[in-house]
Amino acid sequence: MNVKHNIRIIQLAILLLSANVSAQLDSFTWLDDEAGLPQNSIKSIVPDKYGFLWLTTENGLVRYDGQEFKTFNSENQNFLNNRFLYIAGKKRDRLTFH
């Protein structure tokens, strides 16, 4: 009886160990100035209620939609300077940039 029991345990172990086990691989994409950021130094990131990510840099505000960046700075907006360091927005309805 011990031999049969041991054979069953070995069979079960072989079955479990030979099963195709797969894990989800994490994937990362490096986003930098070559991908469209105005600079590589991000100071703050906040999502809004529409699914955009807002980023502050020393060269303007950046809106990221998951595919591309749109930069808002003194070249295309009526901003006094391009340096934004902080985003505030508790309810995601209204974001304040400093």
Protein backbone atom coordinates (compact mmCIF):
# COMPACT_ATOMS: atom_id res chain seq x y z
CA MET A 1 0.00 0.00 0.00
CA ASN A 2 2.85 2.42 0.69
CA VAL A 3 4.31 1.80 -2.76
CA LYS A 4 1.01 2.62 -4.49
CA HIS A 5 0.59 5.71 -2.34
CA ASN A 6 4.13 6.88 -3.15
CA ILE A 7 3.60 6.25 -6.87
CA ARG A 8 0.42 8.35 -6.79
CA ILE A 9 2.22 11.19 -5.04
CA ILE A 10 5.05 11.05 -7.60
CA GLN A 11 2.55 11.02 -10.48
CA LEU A 12 0.73 14.01 -9.01
CA ALA A 13 4.00 15.88 -8.49
CA ILE A 14 5.08 15.22 -12.09
CA LEU A 15 1.69 16.36 -13.35
CA LEU A 16 1.80 19.57 -11.33
CA LEU A 17 5.42 20.36 -12.14
CA SER A 18 5.00 19.76 -15.85
CA ALA A 19 1.90 21.93 -16.19
CA ASN A 20 2.39 24.99 -18.35
CA VAL A 21 2.51 27.81 -15.85
CA SER A 22 2.41 31.32 -17.22
CA ALA A 23 2.56 34.63 -15.45
CA GLN A 24 1.60 38.05 -16.67
CA LEU A 25 4.63 39.97 -17.78
CA ASP A 26 4.74 43.64 -16.88
CA SER A 27 5.55 45.91 -19.75
CA PHE A 28 7.00 49.37 -19.46
CA THR A 29 7.46 52.09 -22.02
CA TRP A 30 10.11 54.73 -21.45
CA LEU A 31 8.65 58.17 -22.08
CA ASP A 32 11.12 60.99 -22.53
CA ASP A 33 11.82 64.03 -24.69
CA GLU A 34 12.28 61.77 -27.72
CA ALA A 35 8.69 60.56 -27.20
CA GLY A 36 7.38 64.14 -27.08
CA LEU A 37 7.93 65.47 -23.57
CA PRO A 38 9.25 69.05 -23.49
CA GLN A 39 11.93 67.83 -21.06
CA ASN A 40 12.76 64.69 -19.09
CA SER A 41 12.24 66.11 -15.60
CA ILE A 42 8.63 65.58 -14.45
CA LYS A 43 7.77 67.38 -11.23
CA SER A 44 4.19 66.20 -10.64
CA ILE A 45 1.60 63.88 -12.23
CA VAL A 46 -2.19 63.91 -11.67
CA PRO A 47 -4.99 62.15 -13.57
CA ASP A 48 -8.16 64.07 -14.43
CA LYS A 49 -11.74 62.84 -14.69
CA TYR A 50 -11.43 62.40 -18.47
CA GLY A 51 -8.54 59.93 -18.23
CA PHE A 52 -5.76 62.33 -19.18
CA LEU A 53 -2.56 62.51 -17.17
CA TRP A 54 -1.35 66.03 -16.45
CA LEU A 55 2.36 66.50 -15.88
CA THR A 56 4.25 69.56 -14.72
CA THR A 57 7.72 70.33 -16.03
CA GLU A 58 10.01 73.32 -16.05
CA ASN A 59 9.13 73.77 -19.70
CA GLY A 60 5.33 73.81 -19.46
CA LEU A 61 2.27 71.74 -18.64
CA VAL A 62 1.83 68.46 -20.46
CA ARG A 63 -1.34 66.49 -21.11
CA TYR A 64 -0.83 62.80 -21.90
CA ASP A 65 -3.65 60.71 -23.38
CA GLY A 66 -1.80 57.40 -23.36
CA GLN A 67 -0.56 57.87 -26.91
CA GLU A 68 0.81 61.37 -27.30
CA PHE A 69 1.79 64.48 -25.37
CA LYS A 70 0.30 67.95 -25.78
CA THR A 71 2.44 70.69 -24.29
CA PHE A 72 1.02 73.97 -22.99
CA ASN A 73 3.64 76.67 -22.44
CA SER A 74 4.39 80.33 -23.19
CA GLU A 75 5.00 79.49 -26.85
CA ASN A 76 1.38 78.41 -27.45
CA GLN A 77 -0.51 79.85 -24.46
CA ASN A 78 -0.67 83.15 -22.62
CA PHE A 79 1.55 81.98 -19.74
CA LEU A 80 4.03 84.31 -18.06
CA ASN A 81 6.55 81.50 -17.65
CA ASN A 82 6.91 77.81 -18.41
CA ARG A 83 7.92 76.54 -14.99
CA PHE A 84 5.24 74.45 -13.31
CA LEU A 85 6.16 72.37 -10.29
CA TYR A 86 2.93 71.18 -8.68
CA ILE A 87 -0.60 70.12 -9.57
CA ALA A 88 -3.45 70.24 -7.07
CA GLY A 89 -6.88 68.74 -7.62
CA LYS A 90 -8.83 66.85 -4.99
CA LYS A 91 -11.94 65.91 -6.95
CA ARG A 92 -10.33 65.75 -10.40
CA ASP A 93 -12.96 68.27 -11.56
CA ARG A 94 -10.63 71.22 -11.31
CA LEU A 95 -6.86 71.09 -11.42
CA THR A 96 -4.68 73.93 -10.18
CA PHE A 97 -1.14 74.29 -11.45
CA HIS A 98 1.61 76.08 -9.54
